[in-house]
Amino acid sequence: MIFAMLSLLSPYERVAAYIPDPTALREGREEIELLIKKYGLDKPIYVQYFEWLKNVVSGNLGWSEAARMPTSEAILHYLPASVELTLWAAVPVVLIGIWLGVISAVHHNRFVDHLTRFMSITGWSFPTFVFGLIVLMIFYGTLGWFPPGRLSTWASMIVNDPSQFRVFTGMYTIDSLLNGRLDIFADALRHLVLPVVTLAYLSWALLVRVTRSSMLETLRQEYIQTARAKGLEEKVVIHRHAKRNALIPVATVAGLMIIGLLNGVVITETIFNYKGLGYWFAYAARQLDVPAVLGFTLFNGVLMVVGNLVVDILYAVIDPRVRLE
């Protein structure tokens, strides 16, 4: 579908990704025609698709002009930044989302429940770019606390100098600790605060609502009433009997949510100039970089399939009854 949509662009529009100077589209007509033939942009759509598919099977995703490197290398280059953002955002999203959902369900129709629902509905209704711009204006534009980007200039100069800093994972918070540079760790963490807060607040809102609904349904089950009738403490009933059984739908939502973060959150990374997969994809799309867009989409699909498989496996860990079926 994505390939078919991109094919709606004319060969002259698509070849623009391979020409650094836009004025060359009006000049040097012969050179442009040669580029179109070189990259096969004048061939029928089905021919282009099967050629692209053949290259994908052989591990060639094409050349990304936006990244100035092969698309496969570009994905590996930008992936650590998105993984780092995902790891820092997933912890508050999952832990706080599940905890608030359980608290809200246990205190059904009380003040805590109303407050939690209000916060989750507000967070879920907020457009990402609006909330991101608000926190950016307040905490960077006004207070100057948490700047955008991944590192400050001084820290970036050190990280890019092989004699001073050794790159292990491409994730600055981890690499800085492995290099014993707590100053760079603090700087990288400072730059992560605003994108993490944006992703966490807008993501755990959905998780709170799903956890709350699942917990309320579980608390109405007969075995919960039986456990209470036996005289078990409320904490035991909630955490040992109700919570674990209510986590099946929560695990599905949380797993897909984390995969969505790992795929590269385009709007968040663009707003905060955080150069991960989402930032690269947005830039590549603006440059009409077709190989990059197709490579990112393919990576998204593979990651989604693998993520769903992992979530299915986790079902057996969360609920032992799944293993018996």
C-alpha atoms as a PDB file:
ATOM      1  CA  MET A   1       0.000   0.000   0.000  1.00  0.00           C
ATOM      2  CA  ILE A   2       2.779   2.435   0.938  1.00  0.00           C
ATOM      3  CA  PHE A   3       4.678   1.541  -2.233  1.00  0.00           C
ATOM      4  CA  ALA A   4       1.567   2.144  -4.336  1.00  0.00           C
ATOM      5  CA  MET A   5       0.946   5.518  -2.687  1.00  0.00           C
ATOM      6  CA  LEU A   6       4.534   6.624  -3.267  1.00  0.00           C
ATOM      7  CA  SER A   7       4.286   5.565  -6.894  1.00  0.00           C
ATOM      8  CA  LEU A   8       1.648   8.270  -7.402  1.00  0.00           C
ATOM      9  CA  LEU A   9       4.513  10.760  -7.384  1.00  0.00           C
ATOM     10  CA  SER A  10       5.956  11.461 -10.804  1.00  0.00           C
ATOM     11  CA  PRO A  11       9.515  10.298 -11.631  1.00  0.00           C
ATOM     12  CA  TYR A  12      10.606  13.956 -11.581  1.00  0.00           C
ATOM     13  CA  GLU A  13       9.260  14.392  -8.039  1.00  0.00           C
ATOM     14  CA  ARG A  14      10.870  11.194  -6.801  1.00  0.00           C
ATOM     15  CA  VAL A  15      14.231  11.922  -8.394  1.00  0.00           C
ATOM     16  CA  ALA A  16      14.386  15.139  -6.331  1.00  0.00           C
ATOM     17  CA  ALA A  17      15.605  13.020  -3.406  1.00  0.00           C
ATOM     18  CA  TYR A  18      18.783  12.246  -5.364  1.00  0.00           C
ATOM     19  CA  ILE A  19      19.533  15.852  -6.355  1.00  0.00           C
ATOM     20  CA  PRO A  20      21.122  18.040  -3.646  1.00  0.00           C
ATOM     21  CA  ASP A  21      20.406  21.283  -5.550  1.00  0.00           C
ATOM     22  CA  PRO A  22      16.651  21.807  -6.242  1.00  0.00           C
ATOM     23  CA  THR A  23      17.450  24.254  -9.086  1.00  0.00           C
ATOM     24  CA  ALA A  24      18.850  21.293 -11.024  1.00  0.00           C
ATOM     25  CA  LEU A  25      15.283  20.166 -11.630  1.00  0.00           C
ATOM     26  CA  ARG A  26      14.841  23.164 -13.910  1.00  0.00           C
ATOM     27  CA  GLU A  27      18.303  22.904 -15.391  1.00  0.00           C
ATOM     28  CA  GLY A  28      20.236  19.972 -16.774  1.00  0.00           C
ATOM     29  CA  ARG A  29      17.258  18.103 -18.183  1.00  0.00           C
ATOM     30  CA  GLU A  30      19.472  15.388 -19.655  1.00  0.00           C
ATOM     31  CA  GLU A  31      21.160  14.663 -16.315  1.00  0.00           C
ATOM     32  CA  ILE A  32      17.760  14.301 -14.668  1.00  0.00           C
ATOM     33  CA  GLU A  33      16.615  11.843 -17.324  1.00  0.00           C
ATOM     34  CA  LEU A  34      19.774   9.809 -16.734  1.00  0.00           C
ATOM     35  CA  LEU A  35      19.062   9.707 -12.983  1.00  0.00           C
ATOM     36  CA  ILE A  36      15.487   8.578 -13.621  1.00  0.00           C
ATOM     37  CA  LYS A  37      16.712   5.717 -15.789  1.00  0.00           C
ATOM     38  CA  LYS A  38      19.509   4.859 -13.349  1.00  0.00           C
ATOM     39  CA  TYR A  39      17.092   4.374 -10.445  1.00  0.00           C
ATOM     40  CA  GLY A  40      14.353   2.806 -12.610  1.00  0.00           C
ATOM     41  CA  LEU A  41      11.797   5.496 -11.781  1.00  0.00           C
ATOM     42  CA  ASP A  42      10.320   5.374 -15.282  1.00  0.00           C
ATOM     43  CA  LYS A  43       9.481   1.662 -15.134  1.00  0.00           C
ATOM     44  CA  PRO A  44       5.916   0.357 -14.504  1.00  0.00           C
ATOM     45  CA  ILE A  45       4.907   0.219 -10.842  1.00  0.00           C
ATOM     46  CA  TYR A  46       4.769  -3.567 -10.664  1.00  0.00           C
ATOM     47  CA  VAL A  47       8.293  -3.827 -12.115  1.00  0.00           C
ATOM     48  CA  GLN A  48       9.597  -1.337  -9.558  1.00  0.00           C
ATOM     49  CA  TYR A  49       7.839  -3.203  -6.752  1.00  0.00           C
ATOM     50  CA  PHE A  50       9.248  -6.623  -7.630  1.00  0.00           C
ATOM     51  CA  GLU A  51      12.717  -5.172  -8.052  1.00  0.00           C
ATOM     52  CA  TRP A  52      12.439  -3.558  -4.619  1.00  0.00           C
ATOM     53  CA  LEU A  53      11.124  -6.835  -3.144  1.00  0.00           C
ATOM     54  CA  LYS A  54      14.010  -8.769  -4.701  1.00  0.00           C
ATOM     55  CA  ASN A  55      16.487  -6.322  -3.174  1.00  0.00           C
ATOM     56  CA  VAL A  56      14.787  -6.577   0.225  1.00  0.00           C
ATOM     57  CA  VAL A  57      15.116 -10.366   0.221  1.00  0.00           C
ATOM     58  CA  SER A  58      18.825  -9.978  -0.483  1.00  0.00           C
ATOM     59  CA  GLY A  59      19.144  -7.471   2.387  1.00  0.00           C
ATOM     60  CA  ASN A  60      19.342  -4.338   0.236  1.00  0.00           C
ATOM     61  CA  LEU A  61      16.817  -1.690   1.283  1.00  0.00           C
ATOM     62  CA  GLY A  62      18.199   0.923  -1.059  1.00  0.00           C
ATOM     63  CA  TRP A  63      20.075   4.166  -0.570  1.00  0.00           C
ATOM     64  CA  SER A  64      18.699   6.814   1.791  1.00  0.00           C
ATOM     65  CA  GLU A  65      19.634  10.196   0.406  1.00  0.00           C
ATOM     66  CA  ALA A  66      18.289  11.886   3.546  1.00  0.00           C
ATOM     67  CA  ALA A  67      20.758   9.977   5.739  1.00  0.00           C
ATOM     68  CA  ARG A  68      23.509   9.819   3.105  1.00  0.00           C
ATOM     69  CA  MET A  69      23.930   6.083   3.706  1.00  0.00           C
ATOM     70  CA  PRO A  70      22.175   2.789   2.862  1.00  0.00           C
ATOM     71  CA  THR A  71      18.702   2.560   4.406  1.00  0.00           C
ATOM     72  CA  SER A  72      19.597  -0.525   6.451  1.00  0.00           C
ATOM     73  CA  GLU A  73      22.593   1.302   7.937  1.00  0.00           C
ATOM     74  CA  ALA A  74      20.446   4.372   8.599  1.00  0.00           C
ATOM     75  CA  ILE A  75      17.974   2.269  10.611  1.00  0.00           C
ATOM     76  CA  LEU A  76      20.825   0.823  12.679  1.00  0.00           C
ATOM     77  CA  HIS A  77      22.313   4.313  13.078  1.00  0.00           C
ATOM     78  CA  TYR A  78      19.156   5.956  14.412  1.00  0.00           C
ATOM     79  CA  LEU A  79      17.748   2.931  16.270  1.00  0.00           C
ATOM     80  CA  PRO A  80      19.829   3.297  19.493  1.00  0.00           C
ATOM     81  CA  ALA A  81      18.408   6.778  20.107  1.00  0.00           C
ATOM     82  CA  SER A  82      14.831   5.495  19.845  1.00  0.00           C
ATOM     83  CA  VAL A  83      15.660   2.453  21.996  1.00  0.00           C
ATOM     84  CA  GLU A  84      17.100   4.732  24.668  1.00  0.00           C
ATOM     85  CA  LEU A  85      14.021   6.959  24.608  1.00  0.00           C
ATOM     86  CA  THR A  86      11.764   3.893  24.722  1.00  0.00           C
ATOM     87  CA  LEU A  87      13.557   2.374  27.713  1.00  0.00           C
ATOM     88  CA  TRP A  88      13.302   5.558  29.746  1.00  0.00           C
ATOM     89  CA  ALA A  89       9.679   6.192  28.746  1.00  0.00           C
ATOM     90  CA  ALA A  90       8.444   2.592  29.126  1.00  0.00           C
ATOM     91  CA  VAL A  91       9.211   2.383  32.853  1.00  0.00           C
ATOM     92  CA  PRO A  92       6.899   5.240  33.957  1.00  0.00           C
ATOM     93  CA  VAL A  93       4.330   4.339  31.290  1.00  0.00           C
ATOM     94  CA  VAL A  94       3.919   0.727  32.418  1.00  0.00           C
ATOM     95  CA  LEU A  95       4.529   1.007  36.161  1.00  0.00           C
ATOM     96  CA  ILE A  96       2.605   4.227  36.771  1.00  0.00           C
ATOM     97  CA  GLY A  97      -0.134   3.325  34.289  1.00  0.00           C
ATOM     98  CA  ILE A  98      -0.845  -0.066  35.878  1.00  0.00           C
ATOM     99  CA  TRP A  99      -0.507   1.274  39.431  1.00  0.00           C
ATOM    100  CA  LEU A 100      -2.910   4.180  38.823  1.00  0.00           C
ATOM    101  CA  GLY A 101      -5.359   1.892  37.010  1.00  0.00           C
ATOM    102  CA  VAL A 102      -5.427  -0.536  39.951  1.00  0.00           C
ATOM    103  CA  ILE A 103      -5.779   2.300  42.484  1.00  0.00           C
ATOM    104  CA  SER A 104      -8.596   3.820  40.449  1.00  0.00           C
ATOM    105  CA  ALA A 105     -10.483   0.512  40.263  1.00  0.00           C
ATOM    106  CA  VAL A 106     -10.025  -0.311  43.952  1.00  0.00           C
ATOM    107  CA  HIS A 107     -11.326   3.159  44.935  1.00  0.00           C
ATOM    108  CA  HIS A 108     -14.160   3.045  42.419  1.00  0.00           C
ATOM    109  CA  ASN A 109     -16.260   6.255  42.273  1.00  0.00           C
ATOM    110  CA  ARG A 110     -14.201   7.934  44.990  1.00  0.00           C
ATOM    111  CA  PHE A 111     -12.100  11.077  44.747  1.00  0.00           C
ATOM    112  CA  VAL A 112      -8.961   9.187  43.685  1.00  0.00           C
ATOM    113  CA  ASP A 113     -10.911   7.436  40.932  1.00  0.00           C
ATOM    114  CA  HIS A 114     -12.400  10.686  39.628  1.00  0.00           C
ATOM    115  CA  LEU A 115      -9.018  12.452  39.693  1.00  0.00           C
ATOM    116  CA  THR A 116      -7.273   9.577  37.905  1.00  0.00           C
ATOM    117  CA  ARG A 117      -9.969   9.381  35.251  1.00  0.00           C
ATOM    118  CA  PHE A 118      -9.795  13.141  34.701  1.00  0.00           C
ATOM    119  CA  MET A 119      -6.012  13.010  34.269  1.00  0.00           C
ATOM    120  CA  SER A 120      -6.157  10.005  31.928  1.00  0.00           C
ATOM    121  CA  ILE A 121      -8.931  11.482  29.766  1.00  0.00           C
ATOM    122  CA  THR A 122      -7.046  14.791  29.582  1.00  0.00           C
ATOM    123  CA  GLY A 123      -3.807  13.032  28.649  1.00  0.00           C
ATOM    124  CA  TRP A 124      -5.462  10.827  26.034  1.00  0.00           C
ATOM    125  CA  SER A 125      -7.248  13.820  24.477  1.00  0.00           C
ATOM    126  CA  PHE A 126      -4.142  16.015  24.259  1.00  0.00           C
ATOM    127  CA  PRO A 127      -2.574  16.124  20.764  1.00  0.00           C
ATOM    128  CA  THR A 128       1.070  15.141  21.045  1.00  0.00           C
ATOM    129  CA  PHE A 129       2.385  18.221  19.299  1.00  0.00           C
ATOM    130  CA  VAL A 130       0.324  20.532  21.548  1.00  0.00           C
ATOM    131  CA  PHE A 131       1.485  18.954  24.816  1.00  0.00           C
ATOM    132  CA  GLY A 132       5.066  18.705  23.556  1.00  0.00           C
ATOM    133  CA  LEU A 133       5.162  22.365  22.542  1.00  0.00           C
ATOM    134  CA  ILE A 134       3.630  23.414  25.880  1.00  0.00           C
ATOM    135  CA  VAL A 135       6.227  21.618  28.005  1.00  0.00           C
ATOM    136  CA  LEU A 136       8.993  22.809  25.634  1.00  0.00           C
ATOM    137  CA  MET A 137       7.915  26.440  25.973  1.00  0.00           C
ATOM    138  CA  ILE A 138       7.600  26.232  29.754  1.00  0.00           C
ATOM    139  CA  PHE A 139      10.584  24.125  30.778  1.00  0.00           C
ATOM    140  CA  TYR A 140      13.012  25.263  28.070  1.00  0.00           C
ATOM    141  CA  GLY A 141      11.730  28.504  26.592  1.00  0.00           C
ATOM    142  CA  THR A 142      10.828  30.104  29.954  1.00  0.00           C
ATOM    143  CA  LEU A 143      12.777  28.228  32.624  1.00  0.00           C
ATOM    144  CA  GLY A 144      15.666  26.958  30.493  1.00  0.00           C
ATOM    145  CA  TRP A 145      15.860  23.693  32.433  1.00  0.00           C
ATOM    146  CA  PHE A 146      15.550  20.912  29.872  1.00  0.00           C
ATOM    147  CA  PRO A 147      16.874  21.668  26.361  1.00  0.00           C
ATOM    148  CA  PRO A 148      15.907  19.746  23.190  1.00  0.00           C
ATOM    149  CA  GLY A 149      18.252  17.453  21.303  1.00  0.00           C
ATOM    150  CA  ARG A 150      20.236  14.533  22.705  1.00  0.00           C
ATOM    151  CA  LEU A 151      23.312  16.269  24.110  1.00  0.00           C
ATOM    152  CA  SER A 152      24.698  19.727  24.738  1.00  0.00           C
ATOM    153  CA  THR A 153      27.396  21.013  22.381  1.00  0.00           C
ATOM    154  CA  TRP A 154      30.257  20.367  24.798  1.00  0.00           C
ATOM    155  CA  ALA A 155      29.059  16.819  25.504  1.00  0.00           C
ATOM    156  CA  SER A 156      28.513  16.106  21.807  1.00  0.00           C
ATOM    157  CA  MET A 157      32.113  17.141  21.049  1.00  0.00           C
ATOM    158  CA  ILE A 158      33.401  14.678  23.654  1.00  0.00           C
ATOM    159  CA  VAL A 159      31.141  11.828  22.478  1.00  0.00           C
ATOM    160  CA  ASN A 160      32.226  12.291  18.861  1.00  0.00           C
ATOM    161  CA  ASP A 161      35.909  12.218  19.811  1.00  0.00           C
ATOM    162  CA  PRO A 162      37.126   8.572  19.815  1.00  0.00           C
ATOM    163  CA  SER A 163      40.138   9.518  21.940  1.00  0.00           C
ATOM    164  CA  GLN A 164      37.894  10.725  24.783  1.00  0.00           C
ATOM    165  CA  PHE A 165      34.787   8.592  24.488  1.00  0.00           C
ATOM    166  CA  ARG A 166      34.165   5.037  23.362  1.00  0.00           C
ATOM    167  CA  VAL A 167      30.755   4.205  21.879  1.00  0.00           C
ATOM    168  CA  PHE A 168      29.395   0.811  22.919  1.00  0.00           C
ATOM    169  CA  THR A 169      25.644   0.904  22.311  1.00  0.00           C
ATOM    170  CA  GLY A 170      24.873   4.321  20.818  1.00  0.00           C
ATOM    171  CA  MET A 171      22.696   5.047  23.866  1.00  0.00           C
ATOM    172  CA  TYR A 172      24.368   7.959  25.606  1.00  0.00           C
ATOM    173  CA  THR A 173      23.061   7.296  29.117  1.00  0.00           C
ATOM    174  CA  ILE A 174      24.467   3.763  29.028  1.00  0.00           C
ATOM    175  CA  ASP A 175      27.686   4.566  27.158  1.00  0.00           C
ATOM    176  CA  SER A 176      28.469   7.460  29.499  1.00  0.00           C
ATOM    177  CA  LEU A 177      28.280   5.131  32.504  1.00  0.00           C
ATOM    178  CA  LEU A 178      30.484   2.565  30.747  1.00  0.00           C
ATOM    179  CA  ASN A 179      32.997   5.339  30.081  1.00  0.00           C
ATOM    180  CA  GLY A 180      32.770   6.604  33.647  1.00  0.00           C
ATOM    181  CA  ARG A 181      31.496  10.034  32.492  1.00  0.00           C
ATOM    182  CA  LEU A 182      28.790  11.011  34.967  1.00  0.00           C
ATOM    183  CA  ASP A 183      28.762  14.545  33.570  1.00  0.00           C
ATOM    184  CA  ILE A 184      27.697  13.274  30.136  1.00  0.00           C
ATOM    185  CA  PHE A 185      25.178  10.909  31.765  1.00  0.00           C
ATOM    186  CA  ALA A 186      23.592  13.856  33.599  1.00  0.00           C
ATOM    187  CA  ASP A 187      23.531  15.922  30.400  1.00  0.00           C
ATOM    188  CA  ALA A 188      21.953  13.104  28.356  1.00  0.00           C
ATOM    189  CA  LEU A 189      19.381  12.513  31.104  1.00  0.00           C
ATOM    190  CA  ARG A 190      18.583  16.231  31.176  1.00  0.00           C
ATOM    191  CA  HIS A 191      17.808  16.160  27.456  1.00  0.00           C
ATOM    192  CA  LEU A 192      15.604  13.071  27.868  1.00  0.00           C
ATOM    193  CA  VAL A 193      13.279  14.571  30.482  1.00  0.00           C
ATOM    194  CA  LEU A 194      10.852  16.449  28.223  1.00  0.00           C
ATOM    195  CA  PRO A 195      10.368  13.770  25.512  1.00  0.00           C
ATOM    196  CA  VAL A 196      10.019  11.102  28.203  1.00  0.00           C
ATOM    197  CA  VAL A 197       7.450  13.176  30.106  1.00  0.00           C
ATOM    198  CA  THR A 198       5.518  13.822  26.885  1.00  0.00           C
ATOM    199  CA  LEU A 199       5.448  10.162  25.886  1.00  0.00           C
ATOM    200  CA  ALA A 200       4.741   8.934  29.415  1.00  0.00           C
ATOM    201  CA  TYR A 201       1.832  11.267  30.106  1.00  0.00           C
ATOM    202  CA  LEU A 202       0.154  10.728  26.753  1.00  0.00           C
ATOM    203  CA  SER A 203       0.742   6.954  26.765  1.00  0.00           C
ATOM    204  CA  TRP A 204      -0.072   5.922  30.319  1.00  0.00           C
ATOM    205  CA  ALA A 205      -3.448   7.636  29.976  1.00  0.00           C
ATOM    206  CA  LEU A 206      -4.656   4.768  27.775  1.00  0.00           C
ATOM    207  CA  LEU A 207      -3.022   2.171  30.011  1.00  0.00           C
ATOM    208  CA  VAL A 208      -4.775   3.594  33.078  1.00  0.00           C
ATOM    209  CA  ARG A 209      -8.174   3.320  31.426  1.00  0.00           C
ATOM    210  CA  VAL A 210      -7.572  -0.245  30.205  1.00  0.00           C
ATOM    211  CA  THR A 211      -6.213  -1.373  33.596  1.00  0.00           C
ATOM    212  CA  ARG A 212      -9.094   0.244  35.447  1.00  0.00           C
ATOM    213  CA  SER A 213     -11.748  -1.385  33.243  1.00  0.00           C
ATOM    214  CA  SER A 214     -10.063  -4.803  33.443  1.00  0.00           C
ATOM    215  CA  MET A 215      -9.681  -4.572  37.230  1.00  0.00           C
ATOM    216  CA  LEU A 216     -13.313  -3.511  37.728  1.00  0.00           C
ATOM    217  CA  GLU A 217     -14.495  -6.489  35.686  1.00  0.00           C
ATOM    218  CA  THR A 218     -12.201  -8.860  37.602  1.00  0.00           C
ATOM    219  CA  LEU A 219     -13.279  -7.538  41.002  1.00  0.00           C
ATOM    220  CA  ARG A 220     -16.870  -8.450  40.156  1.00  0.00           C
ATOM    221  CA  GLN A 221     -16.016 -12.107  39.525  1.00  0.00           C
ATOM    222  CA  GLU A 222     -17.323 -14.796  41.880  1.00  0.00           C
ATOM    223  CA  TYR A 223     -13.890 -16.111  42.855  1.00  0.00           C
ATOM    224  CA  ILE A 224     -12.982 -12.650  44.167  1.00  0.00           C
ATOM    225  CA  GLN A 225     -16.109 -12.622  46.312  1.00  0.00           C
ATOM    226  CA  THR A 226     -15.233 -16.125  47.514  1.00  0.00           C
ATOM    227  CA  ALA A 227     -11.711 -15.039  48.445  1.00  0.00           C
ATOM    228  CA  ARG A 228     -13.110 -12.165  50.484  1.00  0.00           C
ATOM    229  CA  ALA A 229     -15.656 -14.439  52.118  1.00  0.00           C
ATOM    230  CA  LYS A 230     -12.817 -16.695  53.265  1.00  0.00           C
ATOM    231  CA  GLY A 231     -11.423 -13.788  55.250  1.00  0.00           C
ATOM    232  CA  LEU A 232      -8.384 -13.020  53.124  1.00  0.00           C
ATOM    233  CA  GLU A 233      -6.873  -9.582  53.527  1.00  0.00           C
ATOM    234  CA  GLU A 234      -7.893  -7.036  50.902  1.00  0.00           C
ATOM    235  CA  LYS A 235      -4.259  -6.591  49.797  1.00  0.00           C
ATOM    236  CA  VAL A 236      -3.975 -10.318  49.148  1.00  0.00           C
ATOM    237  CA  VAL A 237      -7.247 -10.353  47.206  1.00  0.00           C
ATOM    238  CA  ILE A 238      -6.210  -7.385  45.081  1.00  0.00           C
ATOM    239  CA  HIS A 239      -2.596  -8.284  44.310  1.00  0.00           C
ATOM    240  CA  ARG A 240      -2.617 -12.081  44.308  1.00  0.00           C
ATOM    241  CA  HIS A 241      -6.034 -12.878  42.833  1.00  0.00           C
ATOM    242  CA  ALA A 242      -7.460  -9.840  41.018  1.00  0.00           C
ATOM    243  CA  LYS A 243      -4.434  -7.970  39.669  1.00  0.00           C
ATOM    244  CA  ARG A 244      -2.757 -10.902  37.946  1.00  0.00           C
ATOM    245  CA  ASN A 245      -5.932 -12.006  36.193  1.00  0.00           C
ATOM    246  CA  ALA A 246      -6.641  -8.454  35.064  1.00  0.00           C
ATOM    247  CA  LEU A 247      -3.251  -8.040  33.389  1.00  0.00           C
ATOM    248  CA  ILE A 248      -3.967 -10.041  30.207  1.00  0.00           C
ATOM    249  CA  PRO A 249      -5.581  -7.167  28.223  1.00  0.00           C
ATOM    250  CA  VAL A 250      -3.178  -4.732  29.900  1.00  0.00           C
ATOM    251  CA  ALA A 251      -0.185  -6.742  28.654  1.00  0.00           C
ATOM    252  CA  THR A 252      -1.512  -6.548  25.094  1.00  0.00           C
ATOM    253  CA  VAL A 253      -1.925  -2.769  25.220  1.00  0.00           C
ATOM    254  CA  ALA A 254       1.387  -2.220  27.023  1.00  0.00           C
ATOM    255  CA  GLY A 255       3.283  -4.422  24.585  1.00  0.00           C
ATOM    256  CA  LEU A 256       1.911  -2.691  21.502  1.00  0.00           C
ATOM    257  CA  MET A 257       2.481   0.681  23.164  1.00  0.00           C
ATOM    258  CA  ILE A 258       6.161  -0.054  23.789  1.00  0.00           C
ATOM    259  CA  ILE A 259       6.527  -1.291  20.203  1.00  0.00           C
ATOM    260  CA  GLY A 260       5.023   1.991  19.033  1.00  0.00           C
ATOM    261  CA  LEU A 261       7.613   3.891  21.058  1.00  0.00           C
ATOM    262  CA  LEU A 262      10.428   1.739  19.717  1.00  0.00           C
ATOM    263  CA  ASN A 263       9.301   2.279  16.136  1.00  0.00           C
ATOM    264  CA  GLY A 264      10.128   5.929  16.554  1.00  0.00           C
ATOM    265  CA  VAL A 265       7.619   8.489  17.742  1.00  0.00           C
ATOM    266  CA  VAL A 266       7.687  10.867  14.796  1.00  0.00           C
ATOM    267  CA  ILE A 267       6.005  13.930  16.311  1.00  0.00           C
ATOM    268  CA  THR A 268       7.755  13.776  19.683  1.00  0.00           C
ATOM    269  CA  GLU A 269      11.225  13.262  18.226  1.00  0.00           C
ATOM    270  CA  THR A 270      10.652  16.063  15.708  1.00  0.00           C
ATOM    271  CA  ILE A 271       9.437  18.558  18.323  1.00  0.00           C
ATOM    272  CA  PHE A 272      12.364  17.929  20.648  1.00  0.00           C
ATOM    273  CA  ASN A 273      14.945  17.580  17.847  1.00  0.00           C
ATOM    274  CA  TYR A 274      15.674  14.114  19.179  1.00  0.00           C
ATOM    275  CA  LYS A 275      17.448  12.352  16.336  1.00  0.00           C
ATOM    276  CA  GLY A 276      15.989   8.864  16.452  1.00  0.00           C
ATOM    277  CA  LEU A 277      14.061   6.764  13.949  1.00  0.00           C
ATOM    278  CA  GLY A 278      11.026   9.035  14.037  1.00  0.00           C
ATOM    279  CA  TYR A 279      13.097  12.160  13.399  1.00  0.00           C
ATOM    280  CA  TRP A 280      14.878  10.495  10.469  1.00  0.00           C
ATOM    281  CA  PHE A 281      11.590   9.228   8.993  1.00  0.00           C
ATOM    282  CA  ALA A 282       9.987  12.679   9.162  1.00  0.00           C
ATOM    283  CA  TYR A 283      12.998  14.274   7.471  1.00  0.00           C
ATOM    284  CA  ALA A 284      13.159  11.530   4.832  1.00  0.00           C
ATOM    285  CA  ALA A 285       9.441  11.904   4.063  1.00  0.00           C
ATOM    286  CA  ARG A 286       9.863  15.661   3.562  1.00  0.00           C
ATOM    287  CA  GLN A 287      12.727  14.947   1.162  1.00  0.00           C
ATOM    288  CA  LEU A 288      10.615  12.395  -0.785  1.00  0.00           C
ATOM    289  CA  ASP A 289      13.208   9.769   0.124  1.00  0.00           C
ATOM    290  CA  VAL A 290      11.259   6.718  -1.060  1.00  0.00           C
ATOM    291  CA  PRO A 291      13.787   4.007  -0.012  1.00  0.00           C
ATOM    292  CA  ALA A 292      13.928   5.448   3.492  1.00  0.00           C
ATOM    293  CA  VAL A 293      10.144   5.606   3.833  1.00  0.00           C
ATOM    294  CA  LEU A 294       9.748   2.044   2.560  1.00  0.00           C
ATOM    295  CA  GLY A 295      12.576   0.772   4.780  1.00  0.00           C
ATOM    296  CA  PHE A 296      11.121   2.417   7.865  1.00  0.00           C
ATOM    297  CA  THR A 297       7.667   1.008   7.071  1.00  0.00           C
ATOM    298  CA  LEU A 298       9.086  -2.487   6.578  1.00  0.00           C
ATOM    299  CA  PHE A 299      10.993  -2.234   9.861  1.00  0.00           C
ATOM    300  CA  ASN A 300       7.775  -1.136  11.566  1.00  0.00           C
ATOM    301  CA  GLY A 301       5.905  -4.166  10.245  1.00  0.00           C
ATOM    302  CA  VAL A 302       8.589  -6.669  11.278  1.00  0.00           C
ATOM    303  CA  LEU A 303       8.820  -5.143  14.731  1.00  0.00           C
ATOM    304  CA  MET A 304       5.057  -5.286  15.153  1.00  0.00           C
ATOM    305  CA  VAL A 305       4.955  -8.996  14.250  1.00  0.00           C
ATOM    306  CA  VAL A 306       7.813  -9.826  16.634  1.00  0.00           C
ATOM    307  CA  GLY A 307       6.246  -7.708  19.364  1.00  0.00           C
ATOM    308  CA  ASN A 308       2.901  -9.489  19.058  1.00  0.00           C
ATOM    309  CA  LEU A 309       4.716 -12.829  19.340  1.00  0.00           C
ATOM    310  CA  VAL A 310       6.476 -11.682  22.515  1.00  0.00           C
ATOM    311  CA  VAL A 311       3.179 -10.498  24.010  1.00  0.00           C
ATOM    312  CA  ASP A 312       1.563 -13.870  23.259  1.00  0.00           C
ATOM    313  CA  ILE A 313       4.443 -15.616  25.030  1.00  0.00           C
ATOM    314  CA  LEU A 314       4.059 -13.312  28.026  1.00  0.00           C
ATOM    315  CA  TYR A 315       0.452 -14.444  28.402  1.00  0.00           C
ATOM    316  CA  ALA A 316       1.706 -17.793  29.685  1.00  0.00           C
ATOM    317  CA  VAL A 317       3.904 -16.017  32.228  1.00  0.00           C
ATOM    318  CA  ILE A 318       1.144 -13.754  33.493  1.00  0.00           C
ATOM    319  CA  ASP A 319      -1.625 -16.380  33.556  1.00  0.00           C
ATOM    320  CA  PRO A 320      -0.553 -20.034  34.148  1.00  0.00           C
ATOM    321  CA  ARG A 321      -3.914 -21.220  32.830  1.00  0.00           C
ATOM    322  CA  VAL A 322      -2.786 -20.291  29.306  1.00  0.00           C
ATOM    323  CA  ARG A 323      -0.071 -22.962  29.447  1.00  0.00           C
ATOM    324  CA  LEU A 324      -2.673 -25.610  30.243  1.00  0.00           C
ATOM    325  CA  GLU A 325      -4.858 -24.864  27.249  1.00  0.00           C
END
